[in-house]
Amino acid sequence: MAEDYADYQLGKKKKSDYTALVIISLAIFLLFVTVIYSYLNSGNYLLWKLGSDDPDTREWAAAKLISKGSKIVSETLQTASDESVDMAARRMAVYVLGELRDDEIQKEVEKLFTNGPIEIKEEAAIALVKSGDPKVIRILTGPYRRASKSLKMIILHALGELGLPGALDVLAVASSSEDEDIKNAADEALAKIRNRKR
């Protein structure tokens, strides 16, 4: 009888040890899943993914960053400004900043438009247009006269997208340009504004 009781206690202890091992394993697994999930949703990981070769991955990362809102502004701004970062990632970072639509962020996007390379200026112009703020006309048209042809094309496109009456002066001058591309871009922008008024 004592042997049966000892065997029973030994079996009970083995079962208890097995249960504890299963619980510890599940806890470690859940901790691992939580850490991986947190990392995959961290700002740094998502900013890194903005430079992916896969457009779907870039769009996914941008959407996740946008959903984080103002919590990721400084990191996103740093990515947009960092010359060592891949240009595709920098452009997507400017896109994200433009989607957040905040006055302080808009000031930073204005700086990117003013001081960034042409690729960043293009994305910044689009981001400024999305703000819908009439004062961006001044920001966009300020450098127009001394801008390169490619930047002029970007500005004209942005003014057409913005569709505000304040853009008409620059567009009217550009539509009489001797450069056929500039003239066409200005005419398209004017047409967009006219069509919006209907």
Protein backbone atom coordinates (compact mmCIF):
# COMPACT_ATOMS: atom_id res chain seq x y z
CA MET A 1 0.00 0.00 0.00
CA ALA A 2 2.86 2.34 0.82
CA GLU A 3 4.37 1.55 -2.57
CA ASP A 4 1.10 2.40 -4.31
CA TYR A 5 0.93 5.68 -2.44
CA ALA A 6 4.56 6.49 -3.34
CA ASP A 7 3.87 5.68 -7.02
CA TYR A 8 0.76 7.84 -6.86
CA GLN A 9 2.71 10.75 -5.37
CA LEU A 10 5.50 10.30 -7.95
CA GLY A 11 2.94 10.32 -10.80
CA LYS A 12 1.27 13.36 -9.32
CA LYS A 13 4.66 15.15 -9.09
CA LYS A 14 5.51 14.25 -12.72
CA LYS A 15 2.12 15.53 -13.86
CA SER A 16 2.62 18.71 -11.83
CA ASP A 17 6.14 19.17 -13.31
CA TYR A 18 4.74 18.58 -16.80
CA THR A 19 1.93 21.13 -16.23
CA ALA A 20 4.43 23.69 -14.94
CA LEU A 21 6.65 23.07 -17.97
CA VAL A 22 3.69 23.57 -20.33
CA ILE A 23 2.67 26.79 -18.56
CA ILE A 24 6.24 28.14 -18.64
CA SER A 25 6.56 27.22 -22.35
CA LEU A 26 3.29 28.99 -23.17
CA ALA A 27 4.37 32.05 -21.21
CA ILE A 28 7.70 32.16 -23.07
CA PHE A 29 5.90 31.72 -26.40
CA LEU A 30 3.43 34.53 -25.59
CA LEU A 31 6.30 36.79 -24.50
CA PHE A 32 8.12 36.01 -27.76
CA VAL A 33 4.98 36.76 -29.84
CA THR A 34 4.43 40.02 -27.92
CA VAL A 35 8.04 41.13 -28.48
CA ILE A 36 7.86 40.30 -32.20
CA TYR A 37 4.50 42.06 -32.56
CA SER A 38 5.82 45.15 -30.75
CA TYR A 39 8.91 45.23 -32.94
CA LEU A 40 6.93 44.82 -36.15
CA ASN A 41 4.73 47.75 -35.13
CA SER A 42 7.54 49.94 -33.84
CA GLY A 43 8.25 53.22 -35.58
CA ASN A 44 11.82 52.25 -36.41
CA TYR A 45 10.81 49.01 -38.11
CA LEU A 46 8.04 50.72 -40.05
CA LEU A 47 10.37 53.54 -41.13
CA TRP A 48 12.87 50.93 -42.30
CA LYS A 49 10.11 49.26 -44.31
CA LEU A 50 9.39 52.54 -46.13
CA GLY A 51 12.52 51.77 -48.15
CA SER A 52 11.31 48.34 -49.24
CA ASP A 53 11.53 47.39 -52.91
CA ASP A 54 7.95 46.14 -52.69
CA PRO A 55 5.40 48.96 -53.19
CA ASP A 56 2.78 47.09 -51.16
CA THR A 57 5.16 46.87 -48.21
CA ARG A 58 5.93 50.59 -48.47
CA GLU A 59 2.22 51.41 -48.53
CA TRP A 60 1.55 49.09 -45.58
CA ALA A 61 4.35 50.72 -43.55
CA ALA A 62 3.12 54.21 -44.45
CA ALA A 63 -0.44 53.35 -43.40
CA LYS A 64 0.78 51.92 -40.07
CA LEU A 65 2.90 55.03 -39.44
CA ILE A 66 -0.01 57.33 -40.28
CA SER A 67 -2.21 55.42 -37.83
CA LYS A 68 0.37 56.11 -35.09
CA GLY A 69 -0.14 59.84 -35.62
CA SER A 70 2.00 62.37 -33.83
CA LYS A 71 3.89 59.72 -31.86
CA ILE A 72 6.21 59.08 -34.81
CA VAL A 73 6.74 62.61 -36.14
CA SER A 74 10.33 63.13 -34.99
CA GLU A 75 11.52 59.76 -36.31
CA THR A 76 9.66 60.24 -39.59
CA LEU A 77 11.07 63.73 -40.00
CA GLN A 78 14.55 62.42 -39.32
CA THR A 79 14.10 59.75 -42.00
CA ALA A 80 12.82 62.35 -44.49
CA SER A 81 15.81 64.61 -43.84
CA ASP A 82 18.59 62.02 -43.59
CA GLU A 83 20.68 61.98 -46.76
CA SER A 84 22.08 58.54 -45.91
CA VAL A 85 18.59 57.00 -46.10
CA ASP A 86 17.32 55.51 -49.37
CA MET A 87 15.42 58.11 -51.44
CA ALA A 88 12.30 55.90 -51.70
CA ALA A 89 12.12 55.72 -47.90
CA ARG A 90 12.68 59.47 -47.61
CA ARG A 91 9.88 60.20 -50.08
CA MET A 92 7.49 57.89 -48.25
CA ALA A 93 8.41 59.57 -44.95
CA VAL A 94 7.44 62.95 -46.45
CA TYR A 95 4.21 61.35 -47.68
CA VAL A 96 3.48 60.15 -44.12
CA LEU A 97 4.17 63.63 -42.73
CA GLY A 98 1.79 65.12 -45.29
CA GLU A 99 -0.97 62.73 -44.26
CA LEU A 100 -0.72 63.75 -40.60
CA ARG A 101 -1.90 67.31 -41.40
CA ASP A 102 -0.72 69.25 -38.40
CA ASP A 103 0.46 72.90 -38.36
CA GLU A 104 3.82 72.09 -36.76
CA ILE A 105 4.38 69.21 -39.16
CA GLN A 106 3.43 71.45 -42.09
CA LYS A 107 6.21 73.86 -41.09
CA GLU A 108 8.69 70.99 -41.27
CA VAL A 109 7.32 69.90 -44.65
CA GLU A 110 7.73 73.50 -45.85
CA LYS A 111 11.40 73.32 -44.85
CA LEU A 112 11.76 70.07 -46.79
CA PHE A 113 10.19 71.74 -49.82
CA THR A 114 12.51 74.71 -49.54
CA ASN A 115 15.76 72.89 -48.73
CA GLY A 116 15.40 69.29 -49.92
CA PRO A 117 16.59 67.66 -53.12
CA ILE A 118 14.20 67.67 -56.08
CA GLU A 119 12.70 64.27 -55.18
CA ILE A 120 11.87 65.48 -51.68
CA LYS A 121 10.60 68.83 -52.99
CA GLU A 122 8.16 66.94 -55.19
CA GLU A 123 6.75 64.87 -52.35
CA ALA A 124 6.73 67.90 -50.04
CA ALA A 125 4.77 69.93 -52.63
CA ILE A 126 2.15 67.19 -52.76
CA ALA A 127 2.05 67.03 -48.96
CA LEU A 128 1.58 70.80 -48.75
CA VAL A 129 -1.26 70.64 -51.25
CA LYS A 130 -3.01 67.98 -49.18
CA SER A 131 -3.11 70.39 -46.26
CA GLY A 132 -5.55 72.55 -48.24
CA ASP A 133 -4.11 75.61 -46.52
CA PRO A 134 -4.27 78.66 -48.83
CA LYS A 135 -0.95 79.98 -47.50
CA VAL A 136 0.91 77.12 -49.20
CA ILE A 137 0.42 78.98 -52.49
CA ARG A 138 2.99 81.51 -51.28
CA ILE A 139 5.34 78.69 -50.27
CA LEU A 140 4.96 76.90 -53.60
CA THR A 141 5.13 79.97 -55.82
CA GLY A 142 7.94 81.74 -53.96
CA PRO A 143 10.76 79.81 -55.62
CA TYR A 144 8.99 79.47 -58.99
CA ARG A 145 10.89 82.13 -60.97
CA ARG A 146 14.35 80.79 -60.12
CA ALA A 147 13.35 77.12 -60.05
CA SER A 148 14.66 74.47 -62.39
CA LYS A 149 12.32 73.19 -65.06
CA SER A 150 11.59 70.00 -63.13
CA LEU A 151 10.73 71.97 -59.99
CA LYS A 152 8.52 74.32 -62.01
CA MET A 153 6.65 71.29 -63.33
CA ILE A 154 6.16 70.04 -59.77
CA ILE A 155 4.94 73.44 -58.59
CA LEU A 156 2.49 73.78 -61.48
CA HIS A 157 1.11 70.30 -60.87
CA ALA A 158 0.75 71.07 -57.15
CA LEU A 159 -1.02 74.36 -57.85
CA GLY A 160 -3.47 72.57 -60.11
CA GLU A 161 -4.16 70.02 -57.40
CA LEU A 162 -4.60 72.73 -54.81
CA GLY A 163 -7.09 74.54 -57.02
CA LEU A 164 -7.14 77.79 -55.11
CA PRO A 165 -7.65 81.12 -56.89
CA GLY A 166 -4.33 82.48 -55.56
CA ALA A 167 -2.54 80.09 -57.90
CA LEU A 168 -4.01 81.66 -61.02
CA ASP A 169 -1.38 84.41 -61.39
CA VAL A 170 1.54 81.99 -61.56
CA LEU A 171 -0.40 79.59 -63.77
CA ALA A 172 -1.35 82.39 -66.18
CA VAL A 173 2.29 83.45 -66.55
CA ALA A 174 3.41 79.85 -66.98
CA SER A 175 0.73 79.15 -69.60
CA SER A 176 2.36 81.74 -71.85
CA SER A 177 5.80 80.18 -71.45
CA GLU A 178 7.89 79.45 -74.53
CA ASP A 179 8.75 76.06 -73.04
CA GLU A 180 6.11 73.66 -74.33
CA ASP A 181 6.27 71.37 -71.26
CA ILE A 182 5.81 74.28 -68.84
CA LYS A 183 2.98 75.67 -70.96
CA ASN A 184 1.20 72.30 -71.07
CA ALA A 185 1.61 71.77 -67.32
CA ALA A 186 0.18 75.22 -66.60
CA ASP A 187 -2.74 74.65 -69.00
CA GLU A 188 -3.53 71.31 -67.33
CA ALA A 189 -3.44 72.93 -63.89
CA LEU A 190 -5.73 75.74 -65.04
CA ALA A 191 -8.13 73.20 -66.55
CA LYS A 192 -8.26 71.31 -63.23
CA ILE A 193 -9.11 74.53 -61.40
CA ARG A 194 -11.80 75.47 -63.94
CA ASN A 195 -13.32 71.98 -63.79
CA ARG A 196 -13.45 72.14 -60.01
CA LYS A 197 -15.44 75.38 -60.13
CA ARG A 198 -18.22 73.74 -62.17
